[in-house]
Amino acid sequence: MEVKYPSDITRSQFSVIKDLLSSGKRKTKPRKADLYNMFCAILYINKTGCQWRALPNDYPKWYHVYYYFTIWSKKIDDKPSLFEQALKKISKHSESKR
């Protein structure tokens, strides 16, 4: 899937945050999920306010997206969550491109 919705980011933007988001879950076996699609799905829900179960079929199943959202939205030791850090990093990256 490549930028189908206004809330999606590009793969180039995602490359800036991929390692950050990958660090959210210890990798014990090869990951089947495409983190780019998971992140874009979370951005879609954030932008539209739709229910998890109403996520368009272009994205992974809602319960997989929700699982990653719970991992990425946890705050550890009063630091911003991985999701918040990723949004800030994308924002800074986009500003530096201007």
PDB file of N, CA and C in Angstrom:
ATOM      1  N   MET A   1       0.847  -1.183   0.000  1.00  0.00           N
ATOM      2  CA  MET A   1       0.000   0.000   0.000  1.00  0.00           C
ATOM      3  C   MET A   1       0.889   1.243   0.000  1.00  0.00           C
ATOM      4  N   GLU A   2       0.566   2.188  -0.826  1.00  0.00           N
ATOM      5  CA  GLU A   2       1.369   3.407  -0.915  1.00  0.00           C
ATOM      6  C   GLU A   2       0.450   4.623  -0.949  1.00  0.00           C
ATOM      7  N   VAL A   3       0.458   5.436   0.041  1.00  0.00           N
ATOM      8  CA  VAL A   3      -0.253   6.707   0.180  1.00  0.00           C
ATOM      9  C   VAL A   3      -1.595   6.730  -0.562  1.00  0.00           C
ATOM     10  N   LYS A   4      -2.583   6.111   0.048  1.00  0.00           N
ATOM     11  CA  LYS A   4      -3.929   6.106  -0.527  1.00  0.00           C
ATOM     12  C   LYS A   4      -4.835   7.121   0.149  1.00  0.00           C
ATOM     13  N   TYR A   5      -4.512   7.456   1.383  1.00  0.00           N
ATOM     14  CA  TYR A   5      -5.368   8.355   2.159  1.00  0.00           C
ATOM     15  C   TYR A   5      -4.568   9.596   2.553  1.00  0.00           C
ATOM     16  N   PRO A   6      -5.253  10.720   2.757  1.00  0.00           N
ATOM     17  CA  PRO A   6      -4.535  11.951   3.129  1.00  0.00           C
ATOM     18  C   PRO A   6      -3.734  11.824   4.430  1.00  0.00           C
ATOM     19  N   SER A   7      -4.125  10.921   5.281  1.00  0.00           N
ATOM     20  CA  SER A   7      -3.421  10.748   6.552  1.00  0.00           C
ATOM     21  C   SER A   7      -2.135   9.944   6.413  1.00  0.00           C
ATOM     22  N   ASP A   8      -1.957   9.223   5.302  1.00  0.00           N
ATOM     23  CA  ASP A   8      -0.771   8.391   5.099  1.00  0.00           C
ATOM     24  C   ASP A   8       0.489   9.239   4.936  1.00  0.00           C
ATOM     25  N   ILE A   9       1.616   8.645   5.314  1.00  0.00           N
ATOM     26  CA  ILE A   9       2.914   9.270   5.069  1.00  0.00           C
ATOM     27  C   ILE A   9       3.591   8.480   3.951  1.00  0.00           C
ATOM     28  N   THR A  10       4.665   9.015   3.438  1.00  0.00           N
ATOM     29  CA  THR A  10       5.386   8.309   2.373  1.00  0.00           C
ATOM     30  C   THR A  10       6.356   7.300   2.998  1.00  0.00           C
ATOM     31  N   ARG A  11       6.811   6.363   2.185  1.00  0.00           N
ATOM     32  CA  ARG A  11       7.805   5.387   2.656  1.00  0.00           C
ATOM     33  C   ARG A  11       9.103   6.103   3.040  1.00  0.00           C
ATOM     34  N   SER A  12       9.410   7.174   2.341  1.00  0.00           N
ATOM     35  CA  SER A  12      10.607   7.956   2.652  1.00  0.00           C
ATOM     36  C   SER A  12      10.494   8.559   4.058  1.00  0.00           C
ATOM     37  N   GLN A  13       9.339   9.115   4.389  1.00  0.00           N
ATOM     38  CA  GLN A  13       9.128   9.660   5.727  1.00  0.00           C
ATOM     39  C   GLN A  13       9.198   8.540   6.768  1.00  0.00           C
ATOM     40  N   PHE A  14       8.627   7.386   6.420  1.00  0.00           N
ATOM     41  CA  PHE A  14       8.611   6.272   7.362  1.00  0.00           C
ATOM     42  C   PHE A  14      10.019   5.760   7.646  1.00  0.00           C
ATOM     43  N   SER A  15      10.894   5.832   6.657  1.00  0.00           N
ATOM     44  CA  SER A  15      12.265   5.337   6.860  1.00  0.00           C
ATOM     45  C   SER A  15      12.969   6.075   7.995  1.00  0.00           C
ATOM     46  N   VAL A  16      12.530   7.308   8.264  1.00  0.00           N
ATOM     47  CA  VAL A  16      13.125   8.112   9.339  1.00  0.00           C
ATOM     48  C   VAL A  16      12.751   7.550  10.711  1.00  0.00           C
ATOM     49  N   ILE A  17      11.586   6.918  10.825  1.00  0.00           N
ATOM     50  CA  ILE A  17      11.096   6.447  12.129  1.00  0.00           C
ATOM     51  C   ILE A  17      11.047   4.927  12.256  1.00  0.00           C
ATOM     52  N   LYS A  18      11.398   4.217  11.221  1.00  0.00           N
ATOM     53  CA  LYS A  18      11.276   2.755  11.231  1.00  0.00           C
ATOM     54  C   LYS A  18      12.027   2.108  12.396  1.00  0.00           C
ATOM     55  N   ASP A  19      13.267   2.495  12.603  1.00  0.00           N
ATOM     56  CA  ASP A  19      14.054   1.893  13.688  1.00  0.00           C
ATOM     57  C   ASP A  19      13.456   2.207  15.057  1.00  0.00           C
ATOM     58  N   LEU A  20      12.965   3.417  15.215  1.00  0.00           N
ATOM     59  CA  LEU A  20      12.333   3.811  16.473  1.00  0.00           C
ATOM     60  C   LEU A  20      11.138   2.920  16.773  1.00  0.00           C
ATOM     61  N   LEU A  21      10.262   2.740  15.793  1.00  0.00           N
ATOM     62  CA  LEU A  21       9.064   1.929  16.002  1.00  0.00           C
ATOM     63  C   LEU A  21       9.407   0.443  16.157  1.00  0.00           C
ATOM     64  N   SER A  22      10.428  -0.005  15.463  1.00  0.00           N
ATOM     65  CA  SER A  22      10.846  -1.403  15.582  1.00  0.00           C
ATOM     66  C   SER A  22      11.342  -1.723  16.984  1.00  0.00           C
ATOM     67  N   SER A  23      11.845  -0.730  17.667  1.00  0.00           N
ATOM     68  CA  SER A  23      12.375  -0.945  19.016  1.00  0.00           C
ATOM     69  C   SER A  23      11.271  -1.158  20.046  1.00  0.00           C
ATOM     70  N   GLY A  24      10.031  -0.939  19.673  1.00  0.00           N
ATOM     71  CA  GLY A  24       8.923  -1.055  20.616  1.00  0.00           C
ATOM     72  C   GLY A  24       8.628  -2.475  21.040  1.00  0.00           C
ATOM     73  N   LYS A  25       9.006  -3.420  20.247  1.00  0.00           N
ATOM     74  CA  LYS A  25       8.721  -4.824  20.550  1.00  0.00           C
ATOM     75  C   LYS A  25       9.964  -5.637  20.250  1.00  0.00           C
ATOM     76  N   ARG A  26      10.366  -6.419  21.221  1.00  0.00           N
ATOM     77  CA  ARG A  26      11.532  -7.270  21.004  1.00  0.00           C
ATOM     78  C   ARG A  26      11.225  -8.285  19.913  1.00  0.00           C
ATOM     79  N   LYS A  27      12.120  -8.415  19.003  1.00  0.00           N
ATOM     80  CA  LYS A  27      11.916  -9.296  17.854  1.00  0.00           C
ATOM     81  C   LYS A  27      12.416 -10.694  18.202  1.00  0.00           C
ATOM     82  N   THR A  28      11.497 -11.650  18.347  1.00  0.00           N
ATOM     83  CA  THR A  28      11.885 -13.016  18.674  1.00  0.00           C
ATOM     84  C   THR A  28      11.788 -13.928  17.464  1.00  0.00           C
ATOM     85  N   LYS A  29      11.017 -13.520  16.506  1.00  0.00           N
ATOM     86  CA  LYS A  29      10.917 -14.265  15.251  1.00  0.00           C
ATOM     87  C   LYS A  29      10.668 -13.261  14.135  1.00  0.00           C
ATOM     88  N   PRO A  30      10.818 -13.661  12.897  1.00  0.00           N
ATOM     89  CA  PRO A  30      10.619 -12.694  11.803  1.00  0.00           C
ATOM     90  C   PRO A  30       9.233 -12.038  11.866  1.00  0.00           C
ATOM     91  N   ARG A  31       9.229 -10.728  11.707  1.00  0.00           N
ATOM     92  CA  ARG A  31       7.981  -9.965  11.764  1.00  0.00           C
ATOM     93  C   ARG A  31       7.211 -10.145  10.464  1.00  0.00           C
ATOM     94  N   LYS A  32       5.934 -10.467  10.580  1.00  0.00           N
ATOM     95  CA  LYS A  32       5.082 -10.630   9.402  1.00  0.00           C
ATOM     96  C   LYS A  32       4.402  -9.321   9.029  1.00  0.00           C
ATOM     97  N   ALA A  33       4.196  -8.473  10.021  1.00  0.00           N
ATOM     98  CA  ALA A  33       3.467  -7.223   9.812  1.00  0.00           C
ATOM     99  C   ALA A  33       4.357  -6.168   9.166  1.00  0.00           C
ATOM    100  N   ASP A  34       3.774  -5.405   8.279  1.00  0.00           N
ATOM    101  CA  ASP A  34       4.468  -4.267   7.678  1.00  0.00           C
ATOM    102  C   ASP A  34       4.215  -3.061   8.576  1.00  0.00           C
ATOM    103  N   LEU A  35       5.247  -2.605   9.266  1.00  0.00           N
ATOM    104  CA  LEU A  35       5.082  -1.512  10.221  1.00  0.00           C
ATOM    105  C   LEU A  35       4.611  -0.230   9.552  1.00  0.00           C
ATOM    106  N   TYR A  36       4.976  -0.043   8.296  1.00  0.00           N
ATOM    107  CA  TYR A  36       4.509   1.139   7.564  1.00  0.00           C
ATOM    108  C   TYR A  36       2.977   1.152   7.498  1.00  0.00           C
ATOM    109  N   ASN A  37       2.392   0.019   7.128  1.00  0.00           N
ATOM    110  CA  ASN A  37       0.932  -0.058   7.037  1.00  0.00           C
ATOM    111  C   ASN A  37       0.278   0.111   8.403  1.00  0.00           C
ATOM    112  N   MET A  38       0.908  -0.436   9.432  1.00  0.00           N
ATOM    113  CA  MET A  38       0.373  -0.290  10.796  1.00  0.00           C
ATOM    114  C   MET A  38       0.367   1.183  11.207  1.00  0.00           C
ATOM    115  N   PHE A  39       1.481   1.856  10.953  1.00  0.00           N
ATOM    116  CA  PHE A  39       1.589   3.261  11.344  1.00  0.00           C
ATOM    117  C   PHE A  39       0.590   4.125  10.573  1.00  0.00           C
ATOM    118  N   CYS A  40       0.462   3.892   9.277  1.00  0.00           N
ATOM    119  CA  CYS A  40      -0.494   4.661   8.466  1.00  0.00           C
ATOM    120  C   CYS A  40      -1.929   4.414   8.933  1.00  0.00           C
ATOM    121  N   ALA A  41      -2.227   3.184   9.325  1.00  0.00           N
ATOM    122  CA  ALA A  41      -3.571   2.874   9.824  1.00  0.00           C
ATOM    123  C   ALA A  41      -3.857   3.641  11.108  1.00  0.00           C
ATOM    124  N   ILE A  42      -2.864   3.724  11.983  1.00  0.00           N
ATOM    125  CA  ILE A  42      -3.042   4.480  13.227  1.00  0.00           C
ATOM    126  C   ILE A  42      -3.226   5.964  12.925  1.00  0.00           C
ATOM    127  N   LEU A  43      -2.476   6.481  11.961  1.00  0.00           N
ATOM    128  CA  LEU A  43      -2.658   7.881  11.560  1.00  0.00           C
ATOM    129  C   LEU A  43      -4.059   8.105  11.003  1.00  0.00           C
ATOM    130  N   TYR A  44      -4.575   7.135  10.243  1.00  0.00           N
ATOM    131  CA  TYR A  44      -5.931   7.241   9.687  1.00  0.00           C
ATOM    132  C   TYR A  44      -6.960   7.329  10.815  1.00  0.00           C
ATOM    133  N   ILE A  45      -6.833   6.457  11.794  1.00  0.00           N
ATOM    134  CA  ILE A  45      -7.776   6.466  12.919  1.00  0.00           C
ATOM    135  C   ILE A  45      -7.656   7.773  13.689  1.00  0.00           C
ATOM    136  N   ASN A  46      -6.433   8.229  13.887  1.00  0.00           N
ATOM    137  CA  ASN A  46      -6.196   9.478  14.602  1.00  0.00           C
ATOM    138  C   ASN A  46      -6.831  10.664  13.873  1.00  0.00           C
ATOM    139  N   LYS A  47      -6.702  10.688  12.558  1.00  0.00           N
ATOM    140  CA  LYS A  47      -7.226  11.808  11.774  1.00  0.00           C
ATOM    141  C   LYS A  47      -8.745  11.765  11.634  1.00  0.00           C
ATOM    142  N   THR A  48      -9.296  10.582  11.364  1.00  0.00           N
ATOM    143  CA  THR A  48     -10.736  10.487  11.095  1.00  0.00           C
ATOM    144  C   THR A  48     -11.575  10.265  12.341  1.00  0.00           C
ATOM    145  N   GLY A  49     -10.968   9.679  13.364  1.00  0.00           N
ATOM    146  CA  GLY A  49     -11.734   9.377  14.572  1.00  0.00           C
ATOM    147  C   GLY A  49     -12.652   8.186  14.400  1.00  0.00           C
ATOM    148  N   CYS A  50     -12.417   7.372  13.389  1.00  0.00           N
ATOM    149  CA  CYS A  50     -13.282   6.218  13.158  1.00  0.00           C
ATOM    150  C   CYS A  50     -13.049   5.156  14.226  1.00  0.00           C
ATOM    151  N   GLN A  51     -13.975   4.242  14.331  1.00  0.00           N
ATOM    152  CA  GLN A  51     -13.825   3.129  15.261  1.00  0.00           C
ATOM    153  C   GLN A  51     -12.793   2.153  14.706  1.00  0.00           C
ATOM    154  N   TRP A  52     -12.140   1.423  15.620  1.00  0.00           N
ATOM    155  CA  TRP A  52     -11.124   0.464  15.198  1.00  0.00           C
ATOM    156  C   TRP A  52     -11.693  -0.518  14.182  1.00  0.00           C
ATOM    157  N   ARG A  53     -12.887  -1.006  14.433  1.00  0.00           N
ATOM    158  CA  ARG A  53     -13.476  -2.016  13.552  1.00  0.00           C
ATOM    159  C   ARG A  53     -13.928  -1.435  12.214  1.00  0.00           C
ATOM    160  N   ALA A  54     -13.962  -0.124  12.098  1.00  0.00           N
ATOM    161  CA  ALA A  54     -14.370   0.525  10.848  1.00  0.00           C
ATOM    162  C   ALA A  54     -13.169   0.902   9.982  1.00  0.00           C
ATOM    163  N   LEU A  55     -12.001   0.431  10.348  1.00  0.00           N
ATOM    164  CA  LEU A  55     -10.783   0.707   9.578  1.00  0.00           C
ATOM    165  C   LEU A  55     -10.943   0.136   8.160  1.00  0.00           C
ATOM    166  N   PRO A  56     -10.637   0.917   7.123  1.00  0.00           N
ATOM    167  CA  PRO A  56     -10.785   0.417   5.744  1.00  0.00           C
ATOM    168  C   PRO A  56      -9.984  -0.864   5.505  1.00  0.00           C
ATOM    169  N   ASN A  57     -10.460  -1.665   4.605  1.00  0.00           N
ATOM    170  CA  ASN A  57      -9.827  -2.952   4.289  1.00  0.00           C
ATOM    171  C   ASN A  57      -8.454  -2.804   3.638  1.00  0.00           C
ATOM    172  N   ASP A  58      -8.089  -1.587   3.213  1.00  0.00           N
ATOM    173  CA  ASP A  58      -6.761  -1.353   2.640  1.00  0.00           C
ATOM    174  C   ASP A  58      -5.663  -1.522   3.692  1.00  0.00           C
ATOM    175  N   TYR A  59      -6.044  -1.378   4.948  1.00  0.00           N
ATOM    176  CA  TYR A  59      -5.107  -1.496   6.053  1.00  0.00           C
ATOM    177  C   TYR A  59      -5.152  -2.912   6.624  1.00  0.00           C
ATOM    178  N   PRO A  60      -4.170  -3.251   7.473  1.00  0.00           N
ATOM    179  CA  PRO A  60      -4.219  -4.569   8.141  1.00  0.00           C
ATOM    180  C   PRO A  60      -5.459  -4.671   9.025  1.00  0.00           C
ATOM    181  N   LYS A  61      -5.746  -5.858   9.488  1.00  0.00           N
ATOM    182  CA  LYS A  61      -6.918  -6.070  10.346  1.00  0.00           C
ATOM    183  C   LYS A  61      -6.825  -5.182  11.583  1.00  0.00           C
ATOM    184  N   TRP A  62      -7.979  -4.682  12.008  1.00  0.00           N
ATOM    185  CA  TRP A  62      -8.029  -3.692  13.074  1.00  0.00           C
ATOM    186  C   TRP A  62      -7.345  -4.168  14.349  1.00  0.00           C
ATOM    187  N   TYR A  63      -7.474  -5.447  14.690  1.00  0.00           N
ATOM    188  CA  TYR A  63      -6.902  -5.919  15.949  1.00  0.00           C
ATOM    189  C   TYR A  63      -5.376  -5.980  15.900  1.00  0.00           C
ATOM    190  N   HIS A  64      -4.813  -6.158  14.716  1.00  0.00           N
ATOM    191  CA  HIS A  64      -3.355  -6.094  14.599  1.00  0.00           C
ATOM    192  C   HIS A  64      -2.880  -4.641  14.763  1.00  0.00           C
ATOM    193  N   VAL A  65      -3.602  -3.736  14.142  1.00  0.00           N
ATOM    194  CA  VAL A  65      -3.264  -2.305  14.246  1.00  0.00           C
ATOM    195  C   VAL A  65      -3.386  -1.856  15.697  1.00  0.00           C
ATOM    196  N   TYR A  66      -4.463  -2.275  16.350  1.00  0.00           N
ATOM    197  CA  TYR A  66      -4.676  -1.901  17.747  1.00  0.00           C
ATOM    198  C   TYR A  66      -3.548  -2.440  18.642  1.00  0.00           C
ATOM    199  N   TYR A  67      -3.100  -3.645  18.358  1.00  0.00           N
ATOM    200  CA  TYR A  67      -2.001  -4.250  19.118  1.00  0.00           C
ATOM    201  C   TYR A  67      -0.752  -3.373  19.038  1.00  0.00           C
ATOM    202  N   TYR A  68      -0.393  -2.959  17.838  1.00  0.00           N
ATOM    203  CA  TYR A  68       0.792  -2.100  17.687  1.00  0.00           C
ATOM    204  C   TYR A  68       0.557  -0.727  18.318  1.00  0.00           C
ATOM    205  N   PHE A  69      -0.654  -0.224  18.232  1.00  0.00           N
ATOM    206  CA  PHE A  69      -0.964   1.056  18.864  1.00  0.00           C
ATOM    207  C   PHE A  69      -0.729   0.978  20.371  1.00  0.00           C
ATOM    208  N   THR A  70      -1.142  -0.131  21.000  1.00  0.00           N
ATOM    209  CA  THR A  70      -0.946  -0.253  22.449  1.00  0.00           C
ATOM    210  C   THR A  70       0.543  -0.295  22.802  1.00  0.00           C
ATOM    211  N   ILE A  71       1.344  -0.934  21.965  1.00  0.00           N
ATOM    212  CA  ILE A  71       2.790  -0.987  22.212  1.00  0.00           C
ATOM    213  C   ILE A  71       3.412   0.393  22.032  1.00  0.00           C
ATOM    214  N   TRP A  72       3.071   1.051  20.931  1.00  0.00           N
ATOM    215  CA  TRP A  72       3.703   2.327  20.602  1.00  0.00           C
ATOM    216  C   TRP A  72       3.194   3.491  21.448  1.00  0.00           C
ATOM    217  N   SER A  73       2.052   3.353  22.094  1.00  0.00           N
ATOM    218  CA  SER A  73       1.507   4.489  22.846  1.00  0.00           C
ATOM    219  C   SER A  73       1.846   4.445  24.335  1.00  0.00           C
ATOM    220  N   LYS A  74       2.560   3.423  24.780  1.00  0.00           N
ATOM    221  CA  LYS A  74       2.948   3.342  26.197  1.00  0.00           C
ATOM    222  C   LYS A  74       4.040   4.355  26.510  1.00  0.00           C
ATOM    223  N   LYS A  75       3.861   5.023  27.645  1.00  0.00           N
ATOM    224  CA  LYS A  75       4.904   5.933  28.126  1.00  0.00           C
ATOM    225  C   LYS A  75       5.783   5.153  29.095  1.00  0.00           C
ATOM    226  N   ILE A  76       7.081   5.284  28.920  1.00  0.00           N
ATOM    227  CA  ILE A  76       8.020   4.571  29.778  1.00  0.00           C
ATOM    228  C   ILE A  76       8.884   5.603  30.497  1.00  0.00           C
ATOM    229  N   ASP A  77       8.879   5.520  31.825  1.00  0.00           N
ATOM    230  CA  ASP A  77       9.690   6.428  32.647  1.00  0.00           C
ATOM    231  C   ASP A  77       9.434   7.900  32.329  1.00  0.00           C
ATOM    232  N   ASP A  78       8.193   8.287  32.205  1.00  0.00           N
ATOM    233  CA  ASP A  78       7.790   9.681  31.953  1.00  0.00           C
ATOM    234  C   ASP A  78       8.343  10.259  30.662  1.00  0.00           C
ATOM    235  N   LYS A  79       8.818   9.414  29.753  1.00  0.00           N
ATOM    236  CA  LYS A  79       9.262   9.880  28.445  1.00  0.00           C
ATOM    237  C   LYS A  79       8.081   9.779  27.487  1.00  0.00           C
ATOM    238  N   PRO A  80       8.075  10.574  26.426  1.00  0.00           N
ATOM    239  CA  PRO A  80       6.988  10.462  25.450  1.00  0.00           C
ATOM    240  C   PRO A  80       6.942   9.049  24.859  1.00  0.00           C
ATOM    241  N   SER A  81       5.756   8.632  24.466  1.00  0.00           N
ATOM    242  CA  SER A  81       5.594   7.310  23.864  1.00  0.00           C
ATOM    243  C   SER A  81       6.325   7.249  22.527  1.00  0.00           C
ATOM    244  N   LEU A  82       6.545   6.048  22.030  1.00  0.00           N
ATOM    245  CA  LEU A  82       7.201   5.891  20.724  1.00  0.00           C
ATOM    246  C   LEU A  82       6.382   6.566  19.632  1.00  0.00           C
ATOM    247  N   PHE A  83       5.060   6.503  19.746  1.00  0.00           N
ATOM    248  CA  PHE A  83       4.187   7.142  18.764  1.00  0.00           C
ATOM    249  C   PHE A  83       4.403   8.650  18.751  1.00  0.00           C
ATOM    250  N   GLU A  84       4.449   9.257  19.930  1.00  0.00           N
ATOM    251  CA  GLU A  84       4.691  10.701  20.020  1.00  0.00           C
ATOM    252  C   GLU A  84       6.070  11.069  19.486  1.00  0.00           C
ATOM    253  N   GLN A  85       7.075  10.265  19.829  1.00  0.00           N
ATOM    254  CA  GLN A  85       8.424  10.518  19.332  1.00  0.00           C
ATOM    255  C   GLN A  85       8.484  10.422  17.812  1.00  0.00           C
ATOM    256  N   ALA A  86       7.769   9.431  17.264  1.00  0.00           N
ATOM    257  CA  ALA A  86       7.747   9.247  15.810  1.00  0.00           C
ATOM    258  C   ALA A  86       7.099  10.438  15.119  1.00  0.00           C
ATOM    259  N   LEU A  87       6.001  10.931  15.669  1.00  0.00           N
ATOM    260  CA  LEU A  87       5.325  12.087  15.067  1.00  0.00           C
ATOM    261  C   LEU A  87       6.231  13.314  15.081  1.00  0.00           C
ATOM    262  N   LYS A  88       6.939  13.526  16.182  1.00  0.00           N
ATOM    263  CA  LYS A  88       7.861  14.665  16.273  1.00  0.00           C
ATOM    264  C   LYS A  88       9.000  14.535  15.268  1.00  0.00           C
ATOM    265  N   LYS A  89       9.516  13.317  15.139  1.00  0.00           N
ATOM    266  CA  LYS A  89      10.632  13.075  14.225  1.00  0.00           C
ATOM    267  C   LYS A  89      10.210  13.307  12.779  1.00  0.00           C
ATOM    268  N   ILE A  90       9.010  12.860  12.414  1.00  0.00           N
ATOM    269  CA  ILE A  90       8.502  13.074  11.053  1.00  0.00           C
ATOM    270  C   ILE A  90       8.306  14.560  10.801  1.00  0.00           C
ATOM    271  N   SER A  91       7.776  15.248  11.792  1.00  0.00           N
ATOM    272  CA  SER A  91       7.539  16.681  11.665  1.00  0.00           C
ATOM    273  C   SER A  91       8.849  17.432  11.438  1.00  0.00           C
ATOM    274  N   LYS A  92       9.863  17.107  12.227  1.00  0.00           N
ATOM    275  CA  LYS A  92      11.170  17.755  12.068  1.00  0.00           C
ATOM    276  C   LYS A  92      11.778  17.432  10.711  1.00  0.00           C
ATOM    277  N   HIS A  93      11.635  16.182  10.288  1.00  0.00           N
ATOM    278  CA  HIS A  93      12.174  15.755   8.987  1.00  0.00           C
ATOM    279  C   HIS A  93      11.488  16.517   7.847  1.00  0.00           C
ATOM    280  N   SER A  94      10.172  16.680   7.945  1.00  0.00           N
ATOM    281  CA  SER A  94       9.419  17.390   6.915  1.00  0.00           C
ATOM    282  C   SER A  94       9.799  18.864   6.865  1.00  0.00           C
ATOM    283  N   GLU A  95      10.014  19.449   8.047  1.00  0.00           N
ATOM    284  CA  GLU A  95      10.399  20.872   8.101  1.00  0.00           C
ATOM    285  C   GLU A  95      11.784  21.088   7.500  1.00  0.00           C
ATOM    286  N   SER A  96      12.685  20.141   7.713  1.00  0.00           N
ATOM    287  CA  SER A  96      14.041  20.307   7.197  1.00  0.00           C
ATOM    288  C   SER A  96      14.081  20.151   5.675  1.00  0.00           C
ATOM    289  N   LYS A  97      13.082  19.513   5.101  1.00  0.00           N
ATOM    290  CA  LYS A  97      13.017  19.328   3.638  1.00  0.00           C
ATOM    291  C   LYS A  97      12.530  20.599   2.925  1.00  0.00           C
ATOM    292  N   ARG A  98      11.912  21.504   3.690  1.00  0.00           N
ATOM    293  CA  ARG A  98      11.341  22.714   3.075  1.00  0.00           C
ATOM    294  C   ARG A  98      12.388  23.693   2.702  1.00  0.00           C
TER     295      ARG A  98
END
